[in-house]
N, C-alpha and C. Protein backbone atom coordinates (compact mmCIF):
# COMPACT_ATOMS: atom_id res chain seq x y z
N MET A 1 8.37 15.06 38.15
CA MET A 1 7.18 15.56 38.73
C MET A 1 6.05 15.48 37.72
N LEU A 2 4.95 14.94 38.12
CA LEU A 2 3.81 14.74 37.21
C LEU A 2 2.76 15.85 37.43
N PRO A 3 1.97 16.14 36.39
CA PRO A 3 0.91 17.14 36.56
C PRO A 3 -0.19 16.58 37.47
N PRO A 4 -1.00 17.47 38.06
CA PRO A 4 -2.06 17.02 38.93
C PRO A 4 -3.00 16.06 38.22
N GLY A 5 -3.35 15.00 38.87
CA GLY A 5 -4.29 14.00 38.32
C GLY A 5 -3.65 12.91 37.51
N ALA A 6 -2.31 12.99 37.28
CA ALA A 6 -1.61 11.98 36.51
C ALA A 6 -1.11 10.89 37.46
N SER A 7 -1.10 9.66 37.03
CA SER A 7 -0.59 8.59 37.86
C SER A 7 0.86 8.33 37.52
N GLY A 8 1.51 7.48 38.31
CA GLY A 8 2.91 7.25 38.17
C GLY A 8 3.31 6.42 36.93
N GLY A 9 2.40 5.75 36.32
CA GLY A 9 2.73 4.91 35.14
C GLY A 9 1.47 4.48 34.43
N PRO A 10 1.66 3.69 33.40
CA PRO A 10 0.50 3.22 32.67
C PRO A 10 -0.30 2.25 33.49
N SER A 11 -1.59 2.38 33.47
CA SER A 11 -2.46 1.54 34.26
C SER A 11 -3.33 0.68 33.36
N THR A 12 -3.45 -0.57 33.72
CA THR A 12 -4.31 -1.45 32.94
C THR A 12 -5.71 -1.54 33.51
N ASP A 13 -5.95 -0.86 34.62
CA ASP A 13 -7.25 -0.88 35.28
C ASP A 13 -8.20 0.04 34.53
N SER A 14 -9.32 -0.47 34.07
CA SER A 14 -10.27 0.32 33.28
C SER A 14 -11.14 1.21 34.16
N THR A 15 -11.06 1.08 35.49
CA THR A 15 -11.90 1.88 36.36
C THR A 15 -11.21 3.13 36.89
N THR A 16 -10.06 3.45 36.35
CA THR A 16 -9.32 4.62 36.86
C THR A 16 -10.06 5.90 36.49
N SER A 17 -9.94 6.86 37.38
CA SER A 17 -10.62 8.11 37.08
C SER A 17 -9.67 9.00 36.29
N GLY A 18 -10.21 9.79 35.42
CA GLY A 18 -9.43 10.63 34.56
C GLY A 18 -10.20 10.86 33.27
N PRO A 19 -9.71 11.82 32.46
CA PRO A 19 -10.44 12.11 31.21
C PRO A 19 -10.33 10.97 30.23
N SER A 20 -11.42 10.75 29.54
CA SER A 20 -11.39 9.71 28.51
C SER A 20 -10.82 10.34 27.23
N VAL A 21 -10.47 9.51 26.31
CA VAL A 21 -9.87 9.96 25.06
C VAL A 21 -10.89 10.82 24.31
N ASP A 22 -12.15 10.41 24.31
CA ASP A 22 -13.16 11.18 23.60
C ASP A 22 -13.37 12.61 24.19
N ALA A 23 -13.12 12.76 25.49
CA ALA A 23 -13.26 14.04 26.13
C ALA A 23 -12.13 15.00 25.70
N MET A 24 -11.02 14.47 25.25
CA MET A 24 -9.88 15.28 24.84
C MET A 24 -9.97 15.72 23.39
N LEU A 25 -10.86 15.12 22.63
CA LEU A 25 -11.02 15.46 21.21
C LEU A 25 -11.78 16.78 21.07
N PRO A 26 -11.55 17.49 19.98
CA PRO A 26 -12.30 18.70 19.72
C PRO A 26 -13.79 18.43 19.58
N PRO A 27 -14.65 19.41 19.79
CA PRO A 27 -16.12 19.18 19.69
C PRO A 27 -16.49 18.70 18.29
N GLY A 28 -17.33 17.68 18.23
CA GLY A 28 -17.79 17.11 16.96
C GLY A 28 -16.87 16.09 16.39
N ALA A 29 -15.73 15.78 17.04
CA ALA A 29 -14.79 14.80 16.49
C ALA A 29 -14.81 13.51 17.25
N GLY A 30 -15.79 13.33 18.10
CA GLY A 30 -15.90 12.09 18.88
C GLY A 30 -16.29 10.92 18.01
N SER A 31 -16.22 9.75 18.60
CA SER A 31 -16.59 8.53 17.88
C SER A 31 -18.09 8.27 17.97
N GLY A 32 -18.87 9.30 17.79
CA GLY A 32 -20.31 9.21 17.91
C GLY A 32 -21.01 8.61 16.75
N GLY A 33 -20.60 7.47 16.26
CA GLY A 33 -21.32 6.77 15.20
C GLY A 33 -20.92 7.22 13.81
N GLU A 34 -19.90 8.06 13.65
CA GLU A 34 -19.49 8.41 12.30
C GLU A 34 -18.85 7.21 11.60
N SER A 35 -19.25 7.04 10.37
CA SER A 35 -18.63 5.93 9.62
C SER A 35 -17.52 6.49 8.75
N VAL A 36 -16.69 5.60 8.28
CA VAL A 36 -15.55 6.02 7.42
C VAL A 36 -16.12 6.59 6.11
N ASP A 37 -17.24 6.05 5.66
CA ASP A 37 -17.83 6.52 4.38
C ASP A 37 -18.18 7.99 4.43
N ALA A 38 -18.55 8.49 5.61
CA ALA A 38 -18.92 9.91 5.77
C ALA A 38 -17.72 10.81 5.59
N LEU A 39 -16.51 10.29 5.79
CA LEU A 39 -15.31 11.09 5.70
C LEU A 39 -14.72 11.06 4.29
N LEU A 40 -15.16 10.14 3.44
CA LEU A 40 -14.60 10.02 2.09
C LEU A 40 -15.26 11.00 1.13
N PRO A 41 -14.57 11.29 0.01
CA PRO A 41 -15.17 12.18 -0.97
C PRO A 41 -16.38 11.53 -1.63
N PRO A 42 -17.28 12.32 -2.23
CA PRO A 42 -18.48 11.78 -2.84
C PRO A 42 -18.11 10.76 -3.95
N GLY A 43 -18.83 9.65 -3.96
CA GLY A 43 -18.58 8.60 -4.96
C GLY A 43 -17.59 7.56 -4.53
N ALA A 44 -16.84 7.79 -3.44
CA ALA A 44 -15.84 6.82 -2.98
C ALA A 44 -16.49 5.94 -1.88
N SER A 45 -16.00 4.71 -1.75
CA SER A 45 -16.50 3.86 -0.67
C SER A 45 -15.31 3.25 0.03
N SER A 46 -15.55 2.82 1.26
CA SER A 46 -14.47 2.28 2.09
C SER A 46 -14.19 0.82 1.73
N THR A 47 -15.04 0.19 0.95
CA THR A 47 -14.79 -1.22 0.59
C THR A 47 -13.83 -1.30 -0.61
N SER A 48 -13.03 -2.32 -0.64
CA SER A 48 -12.07 -2.48 -1.71
C SER A 48 -12.80 -2.85 -3.00
N THR A 49 -12.45 -2.22 -4.11
CA THR A 49 -13.10 -2.51 -5.38
C THR A 49 -12.20 -3.29 -6.32
N THR A 50 -11.06 -3.80 -5.79
CA THR A 50 -10.15 -4.55 -6.66
C THR A 50 -10.61 -5.99 -6.70
N SER A 51 -10.49 -6.60 -7.83
CA SER A 51 -10.82 -8.02 -7.98
C SER A 51 -9.61 -8.76 -8.45
N LYS A 52 -9.41 -9.96 -7.91
CA LYS A 52 -8.22 -10.74 -8.26
C LYS A 52 -8.66 -11.84 -9.24
N THR A 53 -8.02 -11.83 -10.39
CA THR A 53 -8.30 -12.87 -11.38
C THR A 53 -6.96 -13.30 -12.01
N GLY A 54 -6.72 -14.57 -11.98
CA GLY A 54 -5.55 -15.11 -12.66
C GLY A 54 -4.23 -14.54 -12.17
N GLY A 55 -4.08 -14.24 -10.87
CA GLY A 55 -2.85 -13.75 -10.35
C GLY A 55 -2.60 -12.31 -10.59
N THR A 56 -3.52 -11.60 -11.18
CA THR A 56 -3.34 -10.18 -11.40
C THR A 56 -4.50 -9.43 -10.73
N THR A 57 -4.23 -8.19 -10.37
CA THR A 57 -5.26 -7.37 -9.72
C THR A 57 -5.64 -6.27 -10.68
N LYS A 58 -6.93 -6.17 -10.95
CA LYS A 58 -7.42 -5.15 -11.85
C LYS A 58 -7.92 -3.99 -11.00
N LYS A 59 -7.21 -2.84 -11.09
CA LYS A 59 -7.61 -1.68 -10.31
C LYS A 59 -8.59 -0.86 -11.10
N PRO A 60 -9.51 -0.19 -10.38
CA PRO A 60 -10.42 0.71 -11.10
C PRO A 60 -9.68 1.89 -11.63
N ARG A 61 -10.14 2.41 -12.76
CA ARG A 61 -9.50 3.53 -13.41
C ARG A 61 -9.82 4.80 -12.64
N ALA A 62 -8.79 5.62 -12.43
CA ALA A 62 -8.99 6.86 -11.70
C ALA A 62 -9.73 7.86 -12.53
N THR A 63 -10.69 8.53 -11.93
CA THR A 63 -11.43 9.55 -12.67
C THR A 63 -11.40 10.86 -11.84
N VAL A 64 -11.39 11.97 -12.58
CA VAL A 64 -11.40 13.31 -11.99
C VAL A 64 -12.46 14.09 -12.67
N THR A 65 -13.33 14.75 -11.89
CA THR A 65 -14.38 15.59 -12.46
C THR A 65 -14.02 17.03 -12.20
N ILE A 66 -13.99 17.86 -13.26
CA ILE A 66 -13.59 19.27 -13.15
C ILE A 66 -14.76 20.13 -13.66
N GLU A 67 -15.04 21.18 -12.92
CA GLU A 67 -16.09 22.10 -13.33
C GLU A 67 -15.49 23.13 -14.28
N THR A 68 -16.14 23.34 -15.40
CA THR A 68 -15.69 24.31 -16.39
C THR A 68 -16.22 25.69 -16.02
N GLY A 69 -15.80 26.72 -16.70
CA GLY A 69 -16.20 28.07 -16.40
C GLY A 69 -17.67 28.34 -16.60
N ASP A 70 -18.31 27.59 -17.55
CA ASP A 70 -19.71 27.85 -17.86
C ASP A 70 -20.68 26.95 -17.05
N GLY A 71 -20.17 26.25 -16.02
CA GLY A 71 -21.02 25.44 -15.13
C GLY A 71 -21.12 23.99 -15.53
N ASP A 72 -20.56 23.60 -16.67
CA ASP A 72 -20.57 22.17 -17.06
C ASP A 72 -19.47 21.43 -16.31
N TYR A 73 -19.55 20.12 -16.37
CA TYR A 73 -18.52 19.28 -15.74
C TYR A 73 -17.85 18.43 -16.82
N VAL A 74 -16.56 18.25 -16.68
CA VAL A 74 -15.78 17.40 -17.58
C VAL A 74 -15.16 16.31 -16.75
N THR A 75 -15.30 15.06 -17.16
CA THR A 75 -14.74 13.92 -16.46
C THR A 75 -13.53 13.40 -17.20
N LEU A 76 -12.40 13.35 -16.52
CA LEU A 76 -11.17 12.82 -17.11
C LEU A 76 -10.89 11.45 -16.48
N GLU A 77 -10.53 10.50 -17.31
CA GLU A 77 -10.19 9.17 -16.82
C GLU A 77 -8.71 8.88 -17.11
N GLU A 78 -8.12 8.11 -16.20
CA GLU A 78 -6.72 7.69 -16.38
C GLU A 78 -6.68 6.73 -17.58
N PRO A 79 -5.74 6.98 -18.53
CA PRO A 79 -5.69 6.07 -19.68
C PRO A 79 -5.25 4.68 -19.32
N VAL A 80 -5.71 3.71 -20.08
CA VAL A 80 -5.33 2.31 -19.87
C VAL A 80 -3.92 2.15 -20.43
N LYS A 81 -3.03 1.61 -19.59
CA LYS A 81 -1.64 1.40 -20.04
C LYS A 81 -1.57 0.11 -20.84
N LYS A 82 -1.04 0.21 -22.06
CA LYS A 82 -0.94 -0.95 -22.95
C LYS A 82 0.44 -1.05 -23.52
N VAL A 83 0.86 -2.29 -23.77
CA VAL A 83 2.07 -2.59 -24.49
C VAL A 83 1.66 -3.43 -25.68
N GLY A 84 1.81 -2.85 -26.87
CA GLY A 84 1.30 -3.53 -28.06
C GLY A 84 -0.20 -3.58 -27.96
N SER A 85 -0.76 -4.77 -27.94
CA SER A 85 -2.22 -4.93 -27.84
C SER A 85 -2.63 -5.42 -26.45
N ARG A 86 -1.67 -5.64 -25.55
CA ARG A 86 -1.96 -6.18 -24.20
C ARG A 86 -2.11 -5.07 -23.20
N GLU A 87 -3.11 -5.19 -22.32
CA GLU A 87 -3.35 -4.23 -21.26
C GLU A 87 -2.50 -4.63 -20.05
N LEU A 88 -1.79 -3.66 -19.46
CA LEU A 88 -0.99 -3.92 -18.27
C LEU A 88 -1.85 -4.02 -17.05
N GLN A 89 -1.53 -4.95 -16.15
CA GLN A 89 -2.27 -5.11 -14.92
C GLN A 89 -1.30 -5.23 -13.75
N THR A 90 -1.75 -4.89 -12.57
CA THR A 90 -0.93 -5.02 -11.37
C THR A 90 -0.86 -6.47 -10.95
N LEU A 91 0.34 -6.94 -10.56
CA LEU A 91 0.54 -8.32 -10.10
C LEU A 91 0.07 -8.47 -8.69
N SER A 92 -0.44 -9.64 -8.34
CA SER A 92 -0.80 -9.92 -6.95
C SER A 92 0.50 -10.18 -6.18
N PRO A 93 0.45 -10.08 -4.82
CA PRO A 93 1.64 -10.30 -4.02
C PRO A 93 2.24 -11.71 -4.24
N GLU A 94 1.40 -12.72 -4.45
CA GLU A 94 1.90 -14.08 -4.70
C GLU A 94 2.66 -14.15 -6.00
N GLU A 95 2.13 -13.50 -7.03
CA GLU A 95 2.81 -13.49 -8.32
C GLU A 95 4.12 -12.72 -8.28
N LYS A 96 4.14 -11.61 -7.53
CA LYS A 96 5.37 -10.83 -7.37
C LYS A 96 6.42 -11.69 -6.64
N ALA A 97 6.00 -12.42 -5.60
CA ALA A 97 6.96 -13.23 -4.85
C ALA A 97 7.54 -14.36 -5.69
N SER A 98 6.71 -14.98 -6.51
CA SER A 98 7.22 -16.08 -7.36
C SER A 98 8.19 -15.55 -8.42
N ARG A 99 7.89 -14.36 -8.99
CA ARG A 99 8.80 -13.77 -9.96
C ARG A 99 10.10 -13.33 -9.33
N ARG A 100 10.03 -12.81 -8.11
CA ARG A 100 11.21 -12.40 -7.38
C ARG A 100 12.11 -13.62 -7.10
N LEU A 101 11.48 -14.76 -6.71
CA LEU A 101 12.23 -15.99 -6.44
C LEU A 101 12.98 -16.45 -7.71
N ILE A 102 12.29 -16.46 -8.83
CA ILE A 102 12.91 -16.88 -10.08
C ILE A 102 14.09 -15.96 -10.43
N THR A 103 13.90 -14.67 -10.29
CA THR A 103 14.95 -13.69 -10.56
C THR A 103 16.16 -13.91 -9.61
N ASN A 104 15.89 -14.13 -8.35
CA ASN A 104 16.97 -14.36 -7.39
C ASN A 104 17.74 -15.65 -7.71
N LEU A 105 17.04 -16.71 -8.13
CA LEU A 105 17.73 -17.96 -8.52
C LEU A 105 18.59 -17.75 -9.72
N ILE A 106 18.14 -16.99 -10.72
CA ILE A 106 18.96 -16.71 -11.91
C ILE A 106 20.20 -15.93 -11.50
N VAL A 107 20.05 -14.91 -10.64
CA VAL A 107 21.24 -14.12 -10.23
C VAL A 107 22.21 -14.97 -9.47
N VAL A 108 21.76 -15.82 -8.56
CA VAL A 108 22.67 -16.69 -7.82
C VAL A 108 23.40 -17.66 -8.75
N GLY A 109 22.71 -18.18 -9.77
CA GLY A 109 23.32 -19.06 -10.74
C GLY A 109 24.40 -18.35 -11.56
N VAL A 110 24.13 -17.15 -12.00
CA VAL A 110 25.13 -16.39 -12.79
C VAL A 110 26.34 -16.06 -11.92
N CYS A 111 26.09 -15.64 -10.66
CA CYS A 111 27.20 -15.35 -9.76
C CYS A 111 28.07 -16.62 -9.50
N ALA A 112 27.43 -17.75 -9.33
CA ALA A 112 28.20 -18.99 -9.09
C ALA A 112 29.04 -19.34 -10.32
N VAL A 113 28.52 -19.15 -11.52
CA VAL A 113 29.29 -19.42 -12.74
C VAL A 113 30.49 -18.46 -12.83
N VAL A 114 30.30 -17.19 -12.52
CA VAL A 114 31.36 -16.23 -12.55
C VAL A 114 32.46 -16.56 -11.52
N LEU A 115 32.04 -16.97 -10.34
CA LEU A 115 33.01 -17.36 -9.30
C LEU A 115 33.83 -18.56 -9.71
N VAL A 116 33.14 -19.57 -10.23
CA VAL A 116 33.84 -20.79 -10.69
C VAL A 116 34.80 -20.46 -11.81
N GLY A 117 34.38 -19.61 -12.75
CA GLY A 117 35.23 -19.19 -13.84
C GLY A 117 36.44 -18.43 -13.35
N ALA A 118 36.27 -17.53 -12.37
CA ALA A 118 37.39 -16.76 -11.81
C ALA A 118 38.36 -17.68 -11.10
N LEU A 119 37.83 -18.64 -10.35
CA LEU A 119 38.69 -19.61 -9.64
C LEU A 119 39.48 -20.46 -10.61
N ALA A 120 38.83 -20.92 -11.67
CA ALA A 120 39.53 -21.73 -12.68
C ALA A 120 40.62 -20.90 -13.33
N ALA A 121 40.34 -19.63 -13.66
CA ALA A 121 41.35 -18.82 -14.31
C ALA A 121 42.55 -18.59 -13.38
N LEU A 122 42.31 -18.39 -12.07
CA LEU A 122 43.39 -18.19 -11.12
C LEU A 122 44.23 -19.46 -10.97
N LEU A 123 43.59 -20.62 -10.93
CA LEU A 123 44.30 -21.90 -10.78
C LEU A 123 45.14 -22.20 -12.02
N LEU A 124 44.63 -21.88 -13.21
CA LEU A 124 45.35 -22.16 -14.43
C LEU A 124 46.53 -21.25 -14.62
N THR A 125 46.44 -19.99 -14.21
CA THR A 125 47.57 -19.05 -14.39
C THR A 125 48.63 -19.28 -13.29
N ARG A 126 48.32 -19.93 -12.20
CA ARG A 126 49.25 -20.18 -11.12
C ARG A 126 50.21 -21.30 -11.47
N GLY A 127 49.74 -22.26 -12.17
CA GLY A 127 50.45 -23.49 -12.44
C GLY A 127 51.63 -23.40 -13.27
């Protein structure tokens, strides 16, 4: 049994009578021209700020601004991760896929050598 005003199934007809999705939203939550940028924290933007260079993606450093007790602000930045003198960067999906392929080929090769060695050992001890 369906509630009053409900139809028997999903309808693809756009002229059906009934409440629209916007009418079911709370007041002020409609799609009345709000942009995504209005919902983000101050200083953030909806556009991607990552740039791809040489197969790596350089992400912006995360910053946090904290208000101190005397009204001043302190900005903390995420430290740059380094190994030795090289800065670590995030790999692009293409670079990750090529490295995964190389790793998989090495693992298959090692497994094949182990299987051949085990088979040879079994055949030699049988004889």
